[in-house]
Amino acid sequence: MLRDSTLQTSERINHKYGPERARFGVVVIGRNEGGRLITCLRAVSAATAVVYVDSNSTDGSVEAAREMGADIVELDLATPFTAARARNAGFARLLTIAPDVAYVQFVDGDSELAAGWLDAAAAFLDRQADAAAVCGRLRERYPERSVYNWLCDKEWDRPTGEVRAFAGNVMIRAKALKRVGGYREDVIAAEEDELSVRLRQANWRIWRLPDAMALHDAAMLHFGQWWRRAQRAGYAFAQGAHLHGAPPERHFVREARRALVWGLLLPFAAIVATIALPRFGWIAWLIYPMQLARLSINNPGPLSDRARLAFFQLLARFPEGLGLAMFWRDRLLHRRPQLIEHKQIPTSGNT
């Protein structure tokens, strides 16, 4: 009965979109994204098949997505939520309703794909047979609303061409994703980077095009949100280095060491020096303004932007260091990694 239903769904897809449009489907993941989810789904409404995976939203996201025609997957509360788990569940459902789909576009519910991106990405994968994944230019929708949104916009500005990793919004060749076993579900952050490692190890290539791919709405308006996001990054660095830190990959080893030194070891040493040598120990803290000056010089752009970016780059080492400590605590106590959330539930009018 399930097979008959799947065949009928596949036939409807091909009848509606034709074989050209049936090449790709879309998986959207989200939790309490509010109006951002509506914007996201509108941008992908013409895709072959759209699957929305919800992680226990309480803002009506499931009902809104269903009204917009998305196929719904609601994750079971019994298993801890991760973006990796949501993406795997969405991909599995997509293969059920569109088993012949060649490519899957993953989209975060706080993002809006650019017009023409789906066709451009699929066309690239058609041409580049050894490419497992392709992404494009991601920009922050409201960088002017807070310094934290502005920092995200700077983070999204990355080189194009062949790259080592992609982020959450990406089109992946279904065959390649199946071959490496999908996303690793116990990776609570930077799961895309971890997947990228395994894809490259399987001799696939990853590309970033200069084409506009999506607008992202971080909606980070408070320092606490930024702090927890940086803390989650530190956890990801530690977990990534633990999984793939051996040569030649050295995945996240540099980032983990940087957080360890600047966020944990140096502050501890400076505190000890201050206590042991009250009159001169404070000099140890001068290493931080020196590092701030170095980062300001090396960053691109106007001086004000360089200094602001450098300040948060240096400040981020402290929550990243805490994230490292949290990972190793969980390892020592044999705890399952838990999602570190930084988002606030948006109001219904947020678009």
Protein backbone atom coordinates (compact mmCIF):
# COMPACT_ATOMS: atom_id res chain seq x y z
CA MET A 1 0.00 0.00 0.00
CA LEU A 2 2.86 2.38 0.88
CA ARG A 3 4.61 1.53 -2.39
CA ASP A 4 1.43 2.24 -4.39
CA SER A 5 1.08 5.59 -2.61
CA THR A 6 4.72 6.41 -3.34
CA LEU A 7 4.34 5.57 -7.03
CA GLN A 8 1.21 7.71 -7.27
CA THR A 9 3.00 10.63 -5.60
CA SER A 10 5.94 10.26 -7.97
CA GLU A 11 3.61 10.19 -10.97
CA ARG A 12 1.86 13.35 -9.76
CA ILE A 13 5.22 15.10 -9.34
CA ASN A 14 6.35 14.23 -12.86
CA HIS A 15 2.96 15.20 -14.31
CA LYS A 16 2.99 18.56 -12.52
CA TYR A 17 6.59 19.58 -13.11
CA GLY A 18 7.82 17.36 -15.94
CA PRO A 19 11.07 15.37 -15.88
CA GLU A 20 13.24 18.52 -15.87
CA ARG A 21 11.76 19.88 -12.64
CA ALA A 22 11.61 16.40 -11.08
CA ARG A 23 15.39 16.41 -10.74
CA PHE A 24 15.41 18.03 -7.30
CA GLY A 25 13.40 18.30 -4.13
CA VAL A 26 13.65 20.55 -1.09
CA VAL A 27 14.01 19.76 2.62
CA VAL A 28 13.28 22.63 5.01
CA ILE A 29 14.05 22.27 8.71
CA GLY A 30 12.88 24.55 11.47
CA ARG A 31 11.69 25.15 14.98
CA ASN A 32 9.57 28.14 15.93
CA GLU A 33 10.66 30.17 12.91
CA GLY A 34 7.35 32.02 12.71
CA GLY A 35 6.96 34.27 9.67
CA ARG A 36 10.46 33.39 8.52
CA LEU A 37 9.24 29.88 7.73
CA ILE A 38 6.38 31.23 5.59
CA THR A 39 8.86 33.33 3.63
CA CYS A 40 11.14 30.31 3.25
CA LEU A 41 8.38 28.03 1.97
CA ARG A 42 7.06 30.59 -0.49
CA ALA A 43 10.48 30.73 -2.13
CA VAL A 44 10.55 26.95 -2.75
CA SER A 45 6.88 26.40 -3.59
CA ALA A 46 7.65 25.58 -7.23
CA ALA A 47 10.09 22.76 -6.37
CA THR A 48 9.43 19.14 -7.25
CA ALA A 49 8.59 18.18 -3.69
CA VAL A 50 8.93 20.12 -0.46
CA VAL A 51 9.37 18.40 2.90
CA TYR A 52 9.21 20.40 6.11
CA VAL A 53 10.78 18.84 9.20
CA ASP A 54 9.62 20.34 12.48
CA SER A 55 11.40 20.02 15.83
CA ASN A 56 8.49 20.51 18.25
CA SER A 57 7.47 24.05 17.28
CA THR A 58 4.90 25.78 19.43
CA ASP A 59 4.16 28.70 17.11
CA GLY A 60 1.90 27.02 14.55
CA SER A 61 4.74 26.25 12.11
CA VAL A 62 3.42 22.76 11.30
CA GLU A 63 -0.07 24.00 10.47
CA ALA A 64 1.29 26.88 8.37
CA ALA A 65 3.60 24.57 6.42
CA ARG A 66 0.80 22.07 5.81
CA GLU A 67 -1.46 24.84 4.49
CA MET A 68 1.30 25.79 2.04
CA GLY A 69 1.40 22.25 0.65
CA ALA A 70 4.60 20.97 2.26
CA ASP A 71 4.90 17.34 3.26
CA ILE A 72 5.34 17.31 7.05
CA VAL A 73 7.71 15.33 9.27
CA GLU A 74 7.40 15.92 13.02
CA LEU A 75 10.38 14.64 14.98
CA ASP A 76 9.79 12.41 17.99
CA LEU A 77 10.53 14.12 21.30
CA ALA A 78 12.00 10.90 22.70
CA THR A 79 15.24 11.46 20.77
CA PRO A 80 17.24 14.70 21.25
CA PHE A 81 16.85 17.20 18.43
CA THR A 82 19.74 18.08 16.14
CA ALA A 83 19.75 19.75 12.74
CA ALA A 84 21.51 16.66 11.39
CA ARG A 85 18.70 14.42 12.58
CA ALA A 86 16.11 16.74 11.04
CA ARG A 87 17.88 16.79 7.68
CA ASN A 88 18.19 13.00 7.59
CA ALA A 89 14.51 12.61 8.41
CA GLY A 90 13.58 15.08 5.68
CA PHE A 91 15.80 13.37 3.13
CA ALA A 92 14.32 9.96 3.96
CA ARG A 93 10.81 11.34 3.50
CA LEU A 94 11.78 13.04 0.24
CA LEU A 95 13.02 9.73 -1.16
CA THR A 96 9.70 8.18 -0.18
CA ILE A 97 7.58 10.69 -2.08
CA ALA A 98 10.06 11.32 -4.91
CA PRO A 99 12.32 8.24 -5.11
CA ASP A 100 13.92 9.26 -8.41
CA VAL A 101 15.02 12.71 -7.27
CA ALA A 102 18.64 13.38 -8.22
CA TYR A 103 19.41 16.38 -5.98
CA VAL A 104 18.14 17.66 -2.65
CA GLN A 105 18.25 21.29 -1.60
CA PHE A 106 18.49 21.68 2.17
CA VAL A 107 17.17 24.98 3.50
CA ASP A 108 17.09 26.33 7.04
CA GLY A 109 13.69 27.70 7.97
CA ASP A 110 15.16 31.15 8.66
CA SER A 111 16.41 31.50 5.08
CA GLU A 112 14.85 32.48 1.75
CA LEU A 113 16.29 31.00 -1.44
CA ALA A 114 17.04 33.46 -4.23
CA ALA A 115 14.98 33.28 -7.41
CA GLY A 116 16.69 31.02 -9.93
CA TRP A 117 19.04 29.39 -7.43
CA LEU A 118 17.48 25.91 -7.58
CA ASP A 119 17.80 25.69 -11.36
CA ALA A 120 21.33 27.16 -11.32
CA ALA A 121 22.51 24.71 -8.67
CA ALA A 122 20.95 21.70 -10.39
CA ALA A 123 22.46 22.76 -13.73
CA PHE A 124 25.89 22.97 -12.10
CA LEU A 125 25.59 19.48 -10.63
CA ASP A 126 24.47 18.23 -14.06
CA ARG A 127 27.70 19.57 -15.56
CA GLN A 128 30.04 18.69 -12.70
CA ALA A 129 29.68 14.93 -12.32
CA ASP A 130 32.21 14.65 -9.48
CA ALA A 131 30.56 17.40 -7.40
CA ALA A 132 28.64 16.17 -4.37
CA ALA A 133 27.36 19.56 -3.26
CA VAL A 134 27.05 23.15 -4.38
CA CYS A 135 26.20 26.31 -2.49
CA GLY A 136 26.20 30.00 -3.37
CA ARG A 137 26.30 33.46 -1.86
CA LEU A 138 24.47 33.78 1.46
CA ARG A 139 23.70 37.22 2.87
CA GLU A 140 22.11 38.39 6.09
CA ARG A 141 18.69 39.95 5.54
CA TYR A 142 18.89 42.62 8.27
CA PRO A 143 22.56 43.29 9.11
CA GLU A 144 21.68 46.78 10.27
CA ARG A 145 19.36 45.60 13.06
CA SER A 146 22.12 44.52 15.43
CA VAL A 147 25.87 44.07 15.57
CA TYR A 148 25.25 40.32 15.91
CA ASN A 149 23.37 40.19 12.61
CA TRP A 150 26.18 42.23 11.09
CA LEU A 151 28.70 39.68 12.33
CA CYS A 152 26.69 36.91 10.66
CA ASP A 153 26.76 38.82 7.39
CA LYS A 154 30.54 38.99 7.62
CA GLU A 155 30.65 35.27 8.41
CA TRP A 156 28.65 34.42 5.27
CA ASP A 157 31.07 36.32 3.01
CA ARG A 158 33.29 33.44 1.90
CA PRO A 159 35.44 32.67 -1.16
CA THR A 160 33.90 31.03 -4.21
CA GLY A 161 35.18 28.13 -6.28
CA GLU A 162 36.05 24.69 -4.95
CA VAL A 163 35.78 24.72 -1.15
CA ARG A 164 36.26 22.30 1.71
CA ALA A 165 32.85 22.63 3.32
CA PHE A 166 29.34 24.01 2.98
CA ALA A 167 26.81 25.31 5.50
CA GLY A 168 23.14 24.54 6.15
CA ASN A 169 21.78 25.85 2.85
CA VAL A 170 23.16 23.59 0.13
CA MET A 171 22.14 21.40 -2.79
CA ILE A 172 23.53 17.87 -2.51
CA ARG A 173 23.60 15.01 -4.98
CA ALA A 174 21.25 12.37 -3.54
CA LYS A 175 23.54 9.54 -4.62
CA ALA A 176 26.50 11.04 -2.79
CA LEU A 177 24.51 11.70 0.38
CA LYS A 178 23.22 8.14 0.47
CA ARG A 179 26.68 6.74 -0.20
CA VAL A 180 28.22 8.38 2.89
CA GLY A 181 25.27 7.61 5.14
CA GLY A 182 23.79 11.10 5.47
CA TYR A 183 24.44 13.56 8.27
CA ARG A 184 25.88 12.34 11.55
CA GLU A 185 23.03 12.84 14.01
CA ASP A 186 25.05 13.15 17.23
CA VAL A 187 26.90 16.21 15.89
CA ILE A 188 25.03 19.14 17.44
CA ALA A 189 26.61 21.94 15.38
CA ALA A 190 28.70 22.29 12.22
CA GLU A 191 27.24 18.97 11.09
CA GLU A 192 27.62 20.21 7.52
CA ASP A 193 31.39 20.52 7.98
CA GLU A 194 31.54 16.98 9.34
CA LEU A 195 29.55 15.69 6.37
CA SER A 196 31.82 17.63 4.02
CA VAL A 197 34.83 15.79 5.45
CA ARG A 198 33.29 12.41 4.67
CA LEU A 199 32.19 13.48 1.20
CA ARG A 200 35.71 14.64 0.34
CA GLN A 201 37.15 11.44 1.78
CA ALA A 202 34.86 9.57 -0.63
CA ASN A 203 36.47 11.55 -3.50
CA TRP A 204 33.58 13.95 -4.05
CA ARG A 205 34.14 17.68 -4.57
CA ILE A 206 32.32 20.71 -3.11
CA TRP A 207 31.78 24.07 -4.81
CA ARG A 208 30.57 27.54 -3.91
CA LEU A 209 29.22 29.57 -6.83
CA PRO A 210 29.22 33.37 -7.06
CA ASP A 211 25.43 33.24 -7.65
CA ALA A 212 23.11 34.62 -4.98
CA MET A 213 21.75 31.63 -3.06
CA ALA A 214 19.72 32.89 -0.12
CA LEU A 215 18.94 35.56 2.44
CA HIS A 216 19.35 34.49 6.05
CA ASP A 217 17.54 36.03 9.02
CA ALA A 218 19.61 35.38 12.14
CA ALA A 219 17.32 37.55 14.28
CA MET A 220 20.09 37.91 16.87
CA LEU A 221 19.30 41.04 18.83
CA HIS A 222 20.80 40.24 22.22
CA PHE A 223 24.27 39.56 23.55
CA GLY A 224 23.14 36.31 25.20
CA GLN A 225 22.10 34.88 21.85
CA TRP A 226 25.48 35.67 20.34
CA TRP A 227 27.29 34.22 23.36
CA ARG A 228 25.43 30.90 23.20
CA ARG A 229 25.99 30.68 19.46
CA ALA A 230 29.74 31.13 20.00
CA GLN A 231 29.59 28.57 22.81
CA ARG A 232 27.95 26.12 20.42
CA ALA A 233 30.73 26.80 17.89
CA GLY A 234 33.32 25.90 20.52
CA TYR A 235 31.52 22.63 21.21
CA ALA A 236 31.50 21.95 17.46
CA PHE A 237 35.23 22.64 17.19
CA ALA A 238 35.97 20.16 19.98
CA GLN A 239 33.64 17.51 18.57
CA GLY A 240 34.91 17.96 15.02
CA ALA A 241 38.55 17.71 16.12
CA HIS A 242 37.71 14.60 18.13
CA LEU A 243 36.08 12.93 15.12
CA HIS A 244 38.39 14.01 12.29
CA GLY A 245 41.36 15.73 13.91
CA ALA A 246 43.95 13.18 12.86
CA PRO A 247 46.24 13.93 9.88
CA PRO A 248 45.83 14.64 7.07
CA GLU A 249 42.36 16.11 7.68
CA ARG A 250 43.07 17.99 10.93
CA HIS A 251 39.42 19.00 11.00
CA PHE A 252 38.78 21.94 13.38
CA VAL A 253 42.10 21.32 15.16
CA ARG A 254 43.29 24.89 14.61
CA GLU A 255 39.95 26.35 15.75
CA ALA A 256 39.84 24.14 18.86
CA ARG A 257 43.40 25.03 19.83
CA ARG A 258 42.71 28.72 19.29
CA ALA A 259 39.71 28.59 21.62
CA LEU A 260 41.66 26.55 24.17
CA VAL A 261 44.59 28.96 24.27
CA TRP A 262 42.78 32.31 24.13
CA GLY A 263 39.58 31.31 25.93
CA LEU A 264 40.87 29.03 28.69
CA LEU A 265 44.63 28.73 29.15
CA LEU A 266 45.67 32.38 28.83
CA PRO A 267 42.90 33.72 31.11
CA PHE A 268 43.82 31.10 33.70
CA ALA A 269 47.51 31.98 33.45
CA ALA A 270 46.75 35.71 33.72
CA ILE A 271 44.58 35.17 36.81
CA VAL A 272 47.34 33.10 38.45
CA ALA A 273 49.93 35.75 37.59
CA THR A 274 47.71 38.50 39.02
CA ILE A 275 47.26 36.58 42.29
CA ALA A 276 50.89 35.52 42.58
CA LEU A 277 52.36 38.90 41.62
CA PRO A 278 49.82 41.57 42.60
CA ARG A 279 52.05 44.47 41.52
CA PHE A 280 53.07 43.11 38.11
CA GLY A 281 50.72 40.25 37.30
CA TRP A 282 48.25 42.52 35.51
CA ILE A 283 50.81 42.91 32.71
CA ALA A 284 49.87 39.41 31.53
CA TRP A 285 46.48 40.75 30.48
CA LEU A 286 48.13 43.08 27.94
CA ILE A 287 48.33 40.16 25.52
CA TYR A 288 44.63 40.69 24.78
CA PRO A 289 44.82 44.33 23.59
CA MET A 290 47.90 43.33 21.59
CA GLN A 291 45.91 40.55 19.90
CA LEU A 292 43.02 42.96 19.34
CA ALA A 293 45.36 45.34 17.51
CA ARG A 294 46.77 42.51 15.40
CA LEU A 295 43.32 41.32 14.37
CA SER A 296 42.22 44.87 13.57
CA ILE A 297 45.19 45.30 11.25
CA ASN A 298 44.60 41.97 9.47
CA ASN A 299 40.85 42.33 8.99
CA PRO A 300 39.57 43.88 5.73
CA GLY A 301 37.45 46.99 5.29
CA PRO A 302 37.22 50.40 6.97
CA LEU A 303 39.00 50.84 10.30
CA SER A 304 35.75 51.00 12.30
CA ASP A 305 34.56 47.70 10.78
CA ARG A 306 37.95 46.06 11.29
CA ALA A 307 38.06 47.08 14.96
CA ARG A 308 34.49 46.00 15.65
CA LEU A 309 35.02 42.64 13.96
CA ALA A 310 38.31 42.12 15.82
CA PHE A 311 36.67 42.86 19.17
CA PHE A 312 34.05 40.14 18.69
CA GLN A 313 36.55 37.71 17.18
CA LEU A 314 38.63 37.98 20.33
CA LEU A 315 35.66 38.02 22.69
CA ALA A 316 34.26 34.87 21.04
CA ARG A 317 37.25 32.85 22.28
CA PHE A 318 35.79 32.87 25.80
CA PRO A 319 32.42 31.24 25.01
CA GLU A 320 34.18 28.99 22.51
CA GLY A 321 36.49 27.88 25.30
CA LEU A 322 33.47 27.11 27.47
CA GLY A 323 32.06 25.09 24.58
CA LEU A 324 35.27 23.06 24.45
CA ALA A 325 35.01 22.39 28.17
CA MET A 326 31.37 21.32 27.79
CA PHE A 327 32.29 18.80 25.10
CA TRP A 328 35.04 17.19 27.17
CA ARG A 329 32.79 17.16 30.23
CA ASP A 330 30.20 15.26 28.20
CA ARG A 331 32.87 12.87 26.95
CA LEU A 332 34.17 12.15 30.45
CA LEU A 333 30.67 11.65 31.87
CA HIS A 334 29.49 9.67 28.81
CA ARG A 335 26.67 12.14 28.18
CA ARG A 336 24.91 12.43 24.86
CA PRO A 337 25.51 15.86 23.25
CA GLN A 338 22.60 18.24 23.76
CA LEU A 339 21.60 21.01 21.38
CA ILE A 340 22.77 24.48 22.46
CA GLU A 341 19.99 26.84 21.37
CA HIS A 342 20.44 30.54 20.85
CA LYS A 343 17.29 31.59 19.00
CA GLN A 344 14.27 33.32 20.43
CA ILE A 345 10.73 32.40 19.41
CA PRO A 346 9.68 35.04 16.87
CA THR A 347 6.38 36.84 16.90
CA SER A 348 3.75 35.81 14.37
CA GLY A 349 4.28 39.02 12.43
CA ASN A 350 7.98 38.43 11.84
CA THR A 351 8.64 38.02 8.11
